[in-house]
Amino acid sequence: MSAIDFNKAAYFPLEGSYRETNNATRLGDLDPRMPISVTLLLRYEKDPGSYKVRAAIKTREQFAAQFHASEADIQLVEAFAGHFGLNIIEELPEQRLIHLQGTVDAFERAFRVQLSTCCNAEGIVFRGRIGNIHLPEQLLPVVEAVFGLDDRPAACLLYTSPSPRDS
């Protein structure tokens, strides 16, 4: 694989990554040296295809052996991570996941995002962003999702059943 200069690569938005404030207030920038962890979901090496193909697979091991992330895609992500000073914490090709760790500054440069401290209407403070995650064109077909740049609450508890002692 030839070396890619990710600083000069064309970057494009990752489909489905756009985020808005959702009534949250931006409180300020994050400490650029703060460590965070992010997970990348990579494409399948082979498309799982139809239900008929998947139905023939009976175990997780059979599925992982047939449908996993490719070594070439993993190497491309390794090069990308290394270029921006991100550490690979764990590679799980059978789950198509790569766990990265690095500083806020490194992730902002790598994914062309601005991370901020935000507060929602319920008073919950979280790490947020506005806009899209961007990837270099070489990674755009490889990475399906990026989890963890934004850690805003995704759900809220609407109902709880009373505990026996409340009766």
Foldseek 3Di string as FASTA:
>chain_A
DDADDQVPFDKDFQPPFADDCQQKAFPWADDQQDKWKKKWAWAWPDDCDDPVSVVVDDDLVSQLVRTWADPVLVVVVVSLCVNLVWDFPDDDRSRRMTMIMGGLNSQCVSFVWTWTWIAHPVGDIWIDTGTGGMHGPVCNNTTNDMPTNTDPDPDDDDDDDDDPVVD
